[in-house]
C-alpha atoms as a PDB file:
ATOM      1  CA  MET A   1     -14.916  -6.112 -17.510  1.00  0.00           C
ATOM      2  CA  ALA A   2     -11.631  -5.364 -16.215  1.00  0.00           C
ATOM      3  CA  PHE A   3     -12.632  -1.582 -15.379  1.00  0.00           C
ATOM      4  CA  THR A   4     -15.464  -0.647 -13.503  1.00  0.00           C
ATOM      5  CA  ASP A   5     -17.007   3.053 -13.286  1.00  0.00           C
ATOM      6  CA  LEU A   6     -17.459   4.154  -9.298  1.00  0.00           C
ATOM      7  CA  GLY A   7     -18.714   7.696 -11.156  1.00  0.00           C
ATOM      8  CA  ASP A   8     -15.865   9.935 -10.360  1.00  0.00           C
ATOM      9  CA  VAL A   9     -13.346   7.400 -11.142  1.00  0.00           C
ATOM     10  CA  ARG A  10     -13.210   4.884 -13.343  1.00  0.00           C
ATOM     11  CA  LEU A  11     -10.523   2.037 -12.172  1.00  0.00           C
ATOM     12  CA  PHE A  12      -9.463  -0.928 -13.523  1.00  0.00           C
ATOM     13  CA  HIS A  13      -8.628  -4.096 -12.091  1.00  0.00           C
ATOM     14  CA  THR A  14      -7.559  -7.870 -12.069  1.00  0.00           C
ATOM     15  CA  ASP A  15     -10.043 -10.374 -10.839  1.00  0.00           C
ATOM     16  CA  ASP A  16      -8.205 -14.093 -10.217  1.00  0.00           C
ATOM     17  CA  GLY A  17      -8.668 -17.618  -8.370  1.00  0.00           C
ATOM     18  CA  ALA A  18     -11.418 -18.376  -6.417  1.00  0.00           C
ATOM     19  CA  GLY A  19     -11.572 -19.668  -2.440  1.00  0.00           C
ATOM     20  CA  ASP A  20     -13.485 -18.379   0.849  1.00  0.00           C
ATOM     21  CA  THR A  21     -10.930 -15.749   1.409  1.00  0.00           C
ATOM     22  CA  THR A  22     -10.290 -12.480  -1.347  1.00  0.00           C
ATOM     23  CA  LEU A  23      -7.288 -10.609  -0.950  1.00  0.00           C
ATOM     24  CA  LEU A  24      -6.793  -7.112  -2.162  1.00  0.00           C
ATOM     25  CA  LEU A  25      -3.741  -5.618  -3.620  1.00  0.00           C
ATOM     26  CA  VAL A  26      -3.089  -2.015  -3.322  1.00  0.00           C
ATOM     27  CA  HIS A  27       0.362  -0.666  -4.674  1.00  0.00           C
ATOM     28  CA  GLY A  28       2.530   2.326  -3.452  1.00  0.00           C
ATOM     29  CA  LEU A  29       2.633   5.366  -4.965  1.00  0.00           C
ATOM     30  CA  GLY A  30       3.604   5.639  -8.988  1.00  0.00           C
ATOM     31  CA  SER A  31       2.970   2.151  -9.160  1.00  0.00           C
ATOM     32  CA  ASP A  32       0.040   0.287 -10.870  1.00  0.00           C
ATOM     33  CA  SER A  33      -0.886  -3.199  -9.599  1.00  0.00           C
ATOM     34  CA  HIS A  34       1.331  -4.827 -11.817  1.00  0.00           C
ATOM     35  CA  GLU A  35       3.408  -4.298  -8.980  1.00  0.00           C
ATOM     36  CA  TRP A  36       2.031  -7.955  -8.102  1.00  0.00           C
ATOM     37  CA  VAL A  37       2.490  -9.711 -11.176  1.00  0.00           C
ATOM     38  CA  HIS A  38       5.333 -11.922  -9.485  1.00  0.00           C
ATOM     39  CA  HIS A  39       3.032 -12.738  -6.473  1.00  0.00           C
ATOM     40  CA  ILE A  40      -0.428 -13.052  -8.476  1.00  0.00           C
ATOM     41  CA  PRO A  41      -0.551 -16.343  -9.396  1.00  0.00           C
ATOM     42  CA  ALA A  42       0.630 -18.658  -6.268  1.00  0.00           C
ATOM     43  CA  LEU A  43      -2.680 -16.598  -4.140  1.00  0.00           C
ATOM     44  CA  ALA A  44      -4.789 -17.005  -6.989  1.00  0.00           C
ATOM     45  CA  ASP A  45      -4.502 -20.934  -6.087  1.00  0.00           C
ATOM     46  CA  ARG A  46      -6.138 -20.336  -3.470  1.00  0.00           C
ATOM     47  CA  HIS A  47      -7.919 -17.651  -2.972  1.00  0.00           C
ATOM     48  CA  ARG A  48     -10.077 -15.036  -5.311  1.00  0.00           C
ATOM     49  CA  VAL A  49      -7.473 -12.209  -5.396  1.00  0.00           C
ATOM     50  CA  ILE A  50      -8.515  -8.259  -6.817  1.00  0.00           C
ATOM     51  CA  ALA A  51      -5.779  -5.855  -8.021  1.00  0.00           C
ATOM     52  CA  VAL A  52      -6.420  -2.961  -8.869  1.00  0.00           C
ATOM     53  CA  ASP A  53      -5.185   0.469 -10.002  1.00  0.00           C
ATOM     54  CA  MET A  54      -5.769   3.307  -7.751  1.00  0.00           C
ATOM     55  CA  ARG A  55      -6.785   6.470  -8.530  1.00  0.00           C
ATOM     56  CA  GLY A  56      -4.534   8.834 -11.065  1.00  0.00           C
ATOM     57  CA  HIS A  57      -2.618   5.363 -11.242  1.00  0.00           C
ATOM     58  CA  GLY A  58      -1.942   3.096 -14.052  1.00  0.00           C
ATOM     59  CA  TYR A  59      -4.568   2.223 -16.325  1.00  0.00           C
ATOM     60  CA  SER A  60      -7.358   4.296 -14.349  1.00  0.00           C
ATOM     61  CA  SER A  61      -8.307   7.941 -14.702  1.00  0.00           C
ATOM     62  CA  ALA A  62      -6.948  10.583 -12.702  1.00  0.00           C
ATOM     63  CA  PRO A  63      -9.505  12.591 -10.995  1.00  0.00           C
ATOM     64  CA  GLU A  64      -8.149  16.375 -11.272  1.00  0.00           C
ATOM     65  CA  THR A  65      -8.701  16.513  -6.855  1.00  0.00           C
ATOM     66  CA  GLY A  66      -9.208  13.963  -4.355  1.00  0.00           C
ATOM     67  CA  ASN A  67      -6.108  11.934  -5.466  1.00  0.00           C
ATOM     68  CA  THR A  68      -5.186  11.123  -1.302  1.00  0.00           C
ATOM     69  CA  PRO A  69      -5.176   7.673   0.147  1.00  0.00           C
ATOM     70  CA  ARG A  70      -8.255   7.987   2.140  1.00  0.00           C
ATOM     71  CA  ALA A  71     -10.455   8.905  -0.982  1.00  0.00           C
ATOM     72  CA  MET A  72      -8.591   5.703  -3.121  1.00  0.00           C
ATOM     73  CA  ALA A  73     -10.193   2.970   0.444  1.00  0.00           C
ATOM     74  CA  ASP A  74     -13.291   5.085   0.005  1.00  0.00           C
ATOM     75  CA  ASP A  75     -12.719   3.570  -3.265  1.00  0.00           C
ATOM     76  CA  LEU A  76     -11.738   0.635  -2.332  1.00  0.00           C
ATOM     77  CA  ALA A  77     -14.928  -0.709  -0.641  1.00  0.00           C
ATOM     78  CA  ARG A  78     -17.552   1.072  -2.849  1.00  0.00           C
ATOM     79  CA  LEU A  79     -15.681  -1.274  -5.680  1.00  0.00           C
ATOM     80  CA  CYS A  80     -16.045  -4.224  -3.512  1.00  0.00           C
ATOM     81  CA  ALA A  81     -19.750  -3.654  -2.888  1.00  0.00           C
ATOM     82  CA  ARG A  82     -19.692  -3.195  -6.780  1.00  0.00           C
ATOM     83  CA  LEU A  83     -18.476  -7.129  -7.250  1.00  0.00           C
ATOM     84  CA  GLY A  84     -19.606  -8.440  -4.551  1.00  0.00           C
ATOM     85  CA  VAL A  85     -17.022  -8.967  -2.149  1.00  0.00           C
ATOM     86  CA  GLY A  86     -18.085  -8.656   1.310  1.00  0.00           C
ATOM     87  CA  SER A  87     -15.276  -9.363   3.121  1.00  0.00           C
ATOM     88  CA  CYS A  88     -11.070  -9.762   2.496  1.00  0.00           C
ATOM     89  CA  VAL A  89      -7.649  -9.348   3.357  1.00  0.00           C
ATOM     90  CA  ALA A  90      -6.340  -6.314   2.229  1.00  0.00           C
ATOM     91  CA  VAL A  91      -2.455  -6.155   1.128  1.00  0.00           C
ATOM     92  CA  GLY A  92      -1.061  -2.314   0.571  1.00  0.00           C
ATOM     93  CA  HIS A  93       2.183  -1.847   0.121  1.00  0.00           C
ATOM     94  CA  SER A  94       3.872   1.857   0.808  1.00  0.00           C
ATOM     95  CA  MET A  95       1.038   4.169   0.105  1.00  0.00           C
ATOM     96  CA  GLY A  96      -1.224   1.001  -0.272  1.00  0.00           C
ATOM     97  CA  GLY A  97      -0.058   0.463   3.404  1.00  0.00           C
ATOM     98  CA  GLN A  98      -2.493   3.217   4.136  1.00  0.00           C
ATOM     99  CA  ILE A  99      -4.730   2.849   2.179  1.00  0.00           C
ATOM    100  CA  VAL A 100      -5.403  -0.385   3.588  1.00  0.00           C
ATOM    101  CA  SER A 101      -5.242   0.942   7.286  1.00  0.00           C
ATOM    102  CA  HIS A 102      -8.145   3.564   6.750  1.00  0.00           C
ATOM    103  CA  LEU A 103      -9.807   0.885   5.297  1.00  0.00           C
ATOM    104  CA  ALA A 104      -9.321  -1.631   8.478  1.00  0.00           C
ATOM    105  CA  VAL A 105     -10.704   1.584  10.523  1.00  0.00           C
ATOM    106  CA  GLU A 106     -13.357   2.924   8.076  1.00  0.00           C
ATOM    107  CA  HIS A 107     -14.827   0.316   6.729  1.00  0.00           C
ATOM    108  CA  PRO A 108     -13.889  -2.714   9.829  1.00  0.00           C
ATOM    109  CA  SER A 109     -16.541  -5.003   8.303  1.00  0.00           C
ATOM    110  CA  LEU A 110     -15.063  -5.073   5.215  1.00  0.00           C
ATOM    111  CA  VAL A 111     -11.614  -6.242   6.144  1.00  0.00           C
ATOM    112  CA  GLU A 112     -10.840  -9.280   8.100  1.00  0.00           C
ATOM    113  CA  ALA A 113      -6.928  -8.894   8.646  1.00  0.00           C
ATOM    114  CA  VAL A 114      -4.628  -6.248   6.923  1.00  0.00           C
ATOM    115  CA  VAL A 115      -0.947  -7.163   5.376  1.00  0.00           C
ATOM    116  CA  ALA A 116       1.373  -4.220   5.203  1.00  0.00           C
ATOM    117  CA  VAL A 117       4.285  -4.229   3.447  1.00  0.00           C
ATOM    118  CA  ASP A 118       7.045  -1.109   4.264  1.00  0.00           C
ATOM    119  CA  PRO A 119       3.919   0.665   5.199  1.00  0.00           C
ATOM    120  CA  GLY A 120       4.176   4.498   4.018  1.00  0.00           C
ATOM    121  CA  TYR A 121       3.187   5.595   7.785  1.00  0.00           C
ATOM    122  CA  GLY A 122       4.409   5.710  11.862  1.00  0.00           C
ATOM    123  CA  PHE A 123       7.989   8.158  10.641  1.00  0.00           C
ATOM    124  CA  ALA A 124       9.502  10.066  13.365  1.00  0.00           C
ATOM    125  CA  GLY A 125      12.589  12.145  13.512  1.00  0.00           C
ATOM    126  CA  PRO A 126      14.954  12.982  10.603  1.00  0.00           C
ATOM    127  CA  VAL A 127      12.474  11.073   7.958  1.00  0.00           C
ATOM    128  CA  ALA A 128       9.823  13.133   9.734  1.00  0.00           C
ATOM    129  CA  ASP A 129      11.258  16.571  10.083  1.00  0.00           C
ATOM    130  CA  ALA A 130      12.424  16.677   6.223  1.00  0.00           C
ATOM    131  CA  PHE A 131       8.647  16.180   5.109  1.00  0.00           C
ATOM    132  CA  PRO A 132       7.640  20.314   4.837  1.00  0.00           C
ATOM    133  CA  SER A 133      11.055  20.874   2.717  1.00  0.00           C
ATOM    134  CA  MET A 134      10.606  17.820   0.580  1.00  0.00           C
ATOM    135  CA  ILE A 135       6.925  18.663  -0.223  1.00  0.00           C
ATOM    136  CA  GLU A 136       7.984  22.785  -1.551  1.00  0.00           C
ATOM    137  CA  ARG A 137      10.497  20.931  -3.337  1.00  0.00           C
ATOM    138  CA  MET A 138       7.217  18.323  -4.911  1.00  0.00           C
ATOM    139  CA  ARG A 139       5.506  21.707  -5.755  1.00  0.00           C
ATOM    140  CA  GLU A 140       8.686  23.350  -7.934  1.00  0.00           C
ATOM    141  CA  ASP A 141       9.036  19.755  -9.936  1.00  0.00           C
ATOM    142  CA  THR A 142       6.962  17.131  -9.323  1.00  0.00           C
ATOM    143  CA  LEU A 143       9.103  14.630 -11.053  1.00  0.00           C
ATOM    144  CA  ALA A 144      12.050  15.651 -10.715  1.00  0.00           C
ATOM    145  CA  MET A 145      11.847  14.686  -6.718  1.00  0.00           C
ATOM    146  CA  SER A 146       9.587  12.070  -7.140  1.00  0.00           C
ATOM    147  CA  LEU A 147      12.064   9.987  -8.791  1.00  0.00           C
ATOM    148  CA  ALA A 148      14.715  11.840  -6.118  1.00  0.00           C
ATOM    149  CA  ASN A 149      12.523   9.872  -3.574  1.00  0.00           C
ATOM    150  CA  ASP A 150      12.884   6.867  -5.877  1.00  0.00           C
ATOM    151  CA  ARG A 151      16.143   6.216  -5.810  1.00  0.00           C
ATOM    152  CA  TRP A 152      16.517   7.070  -1.711  1.00  0.00           C
ATOM    153  CA  THR A 153      13.785   4.208  -1.379  1.00  0.00           C
ATOM    154  CA  SER A 154      16.057   1.345  -2.979  1.00  0.00           C
ATOM    155  CA  ASN A 155      19.556  -0.134  -1.918  1.00  0.00           C
ATOM    156  CA  PRO A 156      21.839  -3.066  -3.561  1.00  0.00           C
ATOM    157  CA  ALA A 157      19.402  -5.653  -2.572  1.00  0.00           C
ATOM    158  CA  THR A 158      17.122  -3.402  -5.600  1.00  0.00           C
ATOM    159  CA  PRO A 159      18.137  -4.737  -8.652  1.00  0.00           C
ATOM    160  CA  PRO A 160      18.384  -2.606 -11.382  1.00  0.00           C
ATOM    161  CA  TRP A 161      15.142  -4.375 -14.216  1.00  0.00           C
ATOM    162  CA  LEU A 162      13.063  -3.125 -10.513  1.00  0.00           C
ATOM    163  CA  ARG A 163      14.927   0.356 -10.384  1.00  0.00           C
ATOM    164  CA  GLU A 164      14.476   1.298 -14.097  1.00  0.00           C
ATOM    165  CA  TRP A 165      10.899  -0.415 -13.678  1.00  0.00           C
ATOM    166  CA  HIS A 166       9.467   1.707 -10.620  1.00  0.00           C
ATOM    167  CA  ARG A 167      11.193   4.776 -11.990  1.00  0.00           C
ATOM    168  CA  ARG A 168       8.999   4.771 -15.374  1.00  0.00           C
ATOM    169  CA  ARG A 169       6.288   4.275 -13.764  1.00  0.00           C
ATOM    170  CA  ILE A 170       6.726   7.113 -11.988  1.00  0.00           C
ATOM    171  CA  LEU A 171       7.368   9.176 -15.090  1.00  0.00           C
ATOM    172  CA  ALA A 172       3.982   8.072 -16.473  1.00  0.00           C
ATOM    173  CA  THR A 173       2.276   8.917 -13.199  1.00  0.00           C
ATOM    174  CA  PRO A 174       0.551  12.117 -13.518  1.00  0.00           C
ATOM    175  CA  PRO A 175       2.485  14.751 -11.342  1.00  0.00           C
ATOM    176  CA  HIS A 176      -0.665  16.234  -9.536  1.00  0.00           C
ATOM    177  CA  VAL A 177      -1.364  12.337  -8.446  1.00  0.00           C
ATOM    178  CA  LEU A 178       2.117  12.623  -7.405  1.00  0.00           C
ATOM    179  CA  LEU A 179       2.069  15.681  -5.366  1.00  0.00           C
ATOM    180  CA  GLN A 180      -1.843  15.234  -4.084  1.00  0.00           C
ATOM    181  CA  ALA A 181      -0.765  11.930  -2.749  1.00  0.00           C
ATOM    182  CA  PHE A 182       2.776  12.757  -1.322  1.00  0.00           C
ATOM    183  CA  GLU A 183       1.044  16.025   0.507  1.00  0.00           C
ATOM    184  CA  ALA A 184      -1.490  13.868   2.353  1.00  0.00           C
ATOM    185  CA  MET A 185       0.053  11.113   3.158  1.00  0.00           C
ATOM    186  CA  PHE A 186       3.584  13.228   4.881  1.00  0.00           C
ATOM    187  CA  GLY A 187       1.923  16.942   5.080  1.00  0.00           C
ATOM    188  CA  GLY A 188      -1.735  17.255   5.688  1.00  0.00           C
ATOM    189  CA  GLN A 189      -3.159  17.454   9.979  1.00  0.00           C
ATOM    190  CA  ASP A 190      -4.211  13.806   9.993  1.00  0.00           C
ATOM    191  CA  ALA A 191      -1.273  12.726   7.493  1.00  0.00           C
ATOM    192  CA  LEU A 192      -0.267   9.056   8.529  1.00  0.00           C
ATOM    193  CA  GLY A 193       3.381   9.366   7.496  1.00  0.00           C
ATOM    194  CA  VAL A 194       3.964  11.219  10.312  1.00  0.00           C
ATOM    195  CA  ARG A 195       4.220   9.426  13.982  1.00  0.00           C
ATOM    196  CA  HIS A 196       1.931  11.948  15.828  1.00  0.00           C
ATOM    197  CA  ASN A 197      -1.060  11.343  14.011  1.00  0.00           C
ATOM    198  CA  SER A 198      -0.411   7.234  12.853  1.00  0.00           C
ATOM    199  CA  ASP A 199       0.208   6.570  16.164  1.00  0.00           C
ATOM    200  CA  ALA A 200      -3.565   6.400  17.672  1.00  0.00           C
ATOM    201  CA  TYR A 201      -4.926   5.980  14.692  1.00  0.00           C
ATOM    202  CA  LEU A 202      -3.546   2.647  13.184  1.00  0.00           C
ATOM    203  CA  SER A 203      -4.735   2.017  16.954  1.00  0.00           C
ATOM    204  CA  ARG A 204      -8.067   1.673  15.700  1.00  0.00           C
ATOM    205  CA  ARG A 205      -7.289  -1.549  13.351  1.00  0.00           C
ATOM    206  CA  ALA A 206      -9.391  -4.199  15.753  1.00  0.00           C
ATOM    207  CA  CYS A 207      -8.168  -7.402  12.829  1.00  0.00           C
ATOM    208  CA  PRO A 208      -4.552  -9.369  13.395  1.00  0.00           C
ATOM    209  CA  VAL A 209      -2.528  -7.166  11.138  1.00  0.00           C
ATOM    210  CA  LEU A 210       1.327  -8.937   9.280  1.00  0.00           C
ATOM    211  CA  ALA A 211       3.606  -5.541   8.743  1.00  0.00           C
ATOM    212  CA  PHE A 212       6.953  -6.234   6.676  1.00  0.00           C
ATOM    213  CA  TRP A 213       9.063  -4.289   7.162  1.00  0.00           C
ATOM    214  CA  PHE A 214      12.938  -3.835   6.314  1.00  0.00           C
ATOM    215  CA  ASP A 215      13.509  -0.827   9.770  1.00  0.00           C
ATOM    216  CA  PRO A 216      13.742  -2.648  12.536  1.00  0.00           C
ATOM    217  CA  ALA A 217      13.132   0.556  14.457  1.00  0.00           C
ATOM    218  CA  GLN A 218       9.583   0.885  12.557  1.00  0.00           C
ATOM    219  CA  ALA A 219       8.662  -2.805  12.826  1.00  0.00           C
ATOM    220  CA  ALA A 220       9.411  -2.393  16.849  1.00  0.00           C
ATOM    221  CA  TRP A 221       6.868   0.754  16.749  1.00  0.00           C
ATOM    222  CA  GLU A 222       4.415  -1.091  14.571  1.00  0.00           C
ATOM    223  CA  ALA A 223       4.148  -3.923  17.010  1.00  0.00           C
ATOM    224  CA  GLY A 224       3.274  -1.947  20.216  1.00  0.00           C
ATOM    225  CA  LEU A 225       0.612  -0.835  18.389  1.00  0.00           C
ATOM    226  CA  LEU A 226      -1.205  -4.383  17.185  1.00  0.00           C
ATOM    227  CA  LYS A 227      -4.530  -5.333  19.453  1.00  0.00           C
ATOM    228  CA  ASP A 228      -5.099  -8.509  17.955  1.00  0.00           C
ATOM    229  CA  PRO A 229      -2.264 -11.905  19.409  1.00  0.00           C
ATOM    230  CA  ARG A 230      -2.470 -12.815  15.803  1.00  0.00           C
ATOM    231  CA  SER A 231      -0.544 -10.193  14.096  1.00  0.00           C
ATOM    232  CA  LYS A 232       3.043 -10.829  13.397  1.00  0.00           C
ATOM    233  CA  VAL A 233       5.396  -8.149  12.372  1.00  0.00           C
ATOM    234  CA  VAL A 234       8.432  -9.224  10.193  1.00  0.00           C
ATOM    235  CA  VAL A 235      12.343  -7.617   9.843  1.00  0.00           C
ATOM    236  CA  TRP A 236      13.784  -8.245   6.707  1.00  0.00           C
ATOM    237  CA  GLU A 237      16.680  -6.371   7.173  1.00  0.00           C
ATOM    238  CA  GLY A 238      19.131  -5.739   3.859  1.00  0.00           C
ATOM    239  CA  SER A 239      16.199  -5.709   2.051  1.00  0.00           C
ATOM    240  CA  SER A 240      14.964  -1.987   0.401  1.00  0.00           C
ATOM    241  CA  HIS A 241      11.784  -0.511   0.576  1.00  0.00           C
ATOM    242  CA  ARG A 242      10.164  -3.166  -2.234  1.00  0.00           C
ATOM    243  CA  LEU A 243      11.420  -6.516  -0.209  1.00  0.00           C
ATOM    244  CA  HIS A 244       8.275  -7.905  -1.735  1.00  0.00           C
ATOM    245  CA  GLU A 245       9.260  -7.580  -5.103  1.00  0.00           C
ATOM    246  CA  GLU A 246      13.067  -8.215  -4.348  1.00  0.00           C
ATOM    247  CA  ARG A 247      12.588 -11.795  -2.387  1.00  0.00           C
ATOM    248  CA  PRO A 248       8.482 -12.544  -3.638  1.00  0.00           C
ATOM    249  CA  GLY A 249       8.751 -16.518  -2.612  1.00  0.00           C
ATOM    250  CA  GLU A 250       9.929 -16.048   0.931  1.00  0.00           C
ATOM    251  CA  PHE A 251       7.276 -12.793   0.631  1.00  0.00           C
ATOM    252  CA  LEU A 252       4.259 -15.673  -0.653  1.00  0.00           C
ATOM    253  CA  LEU A 253       5.775 -18.310   1.806  1.00  0.00           C
ATOM    254  CA  VAL A 254       5.330 -15.791   4.774  1.00  0.00           C
ATOM    255  CA  VAL A 255       1.809 -14.168   3.391  1.00  0.00           C
ATOM    256  CA  THR A 256      -0.128 -17.966   2.785  1.00  0.00           C
ATOM    257  CA  ASN A 257       1.818 -19.517   5.932  1.00  0.00           C
ATOM    258  CA  TRP A 258       0.059 -16.815   8.033  1.00  0.00           C
ATOM    259  CA  LEU A 259      -3.195 -16.250   6.108  1.00  0.00           C
ATOM    260  CA  ARG A 260      -3.291 -20.380   6.840  1.00  0.00           C
ATOM    261  CA  SER A 261      -2.524 -19.699  10.611  1.00  0.00           C
ATOM    262  CA  LEU A 262      -5.381 -17.423  10.640  1.00  0.00           C
ATOM    263  CA  SER A 263      -8.002 -20.187   9.934  1.00  0.00           C
ATOM    264  CA  SER A 264      -6.277 -22.814  12.181  1.00  0.00           C
END
């Protein structure tokens, strides 16, 4: 079945491939599991690959409340239990980086490793200072501000088709979901989007972490938090926030080699 009913939410997911390692693919805010279409076939050659539409996104149901990264991580833990997944490598982009980190901290026996792809955590300085006003503007016009934020994540490395694909996905996401998730990511007292909250919390990830960043400063900051010596930080300067979609072949090469190193 492509849908699993967890009671308070109905999640769409695909389940492909087989192998000793299960990969759990988690998209970002205003996206869906189609974000991983360039990666699933190659990954499924060696692994079981589960790609999920988070609550409020894609084909999954959109509860009126509770559309936060923490709730989404809990959804994934319950989904894994239903699907018989005892452990996984959790791969998350942007908001998905927050989700898989919550999963690793709150359900450590479930997550054997994390791949964080330009994750939406640990911001400081002018970017973090702007979050309160961004949230206020999202409350006034959620879709307009969400589209403006999305344009900010692109650069010349982002092809026009990719910009348009994500623009359309945002337009298809219920505004209350976009607002609740963004507020929880960047505005709450425990929001991981701001560095003074994320430092201590992310340090609790005991598993190995592979982190991709386009910003060298963010990469250097995260490198200082990683506990497991098998962890690795990769910097792709010149890429944008959607680096895994811009450079899928290189992304797959780095991920598969790193996964192989964990078992060697």
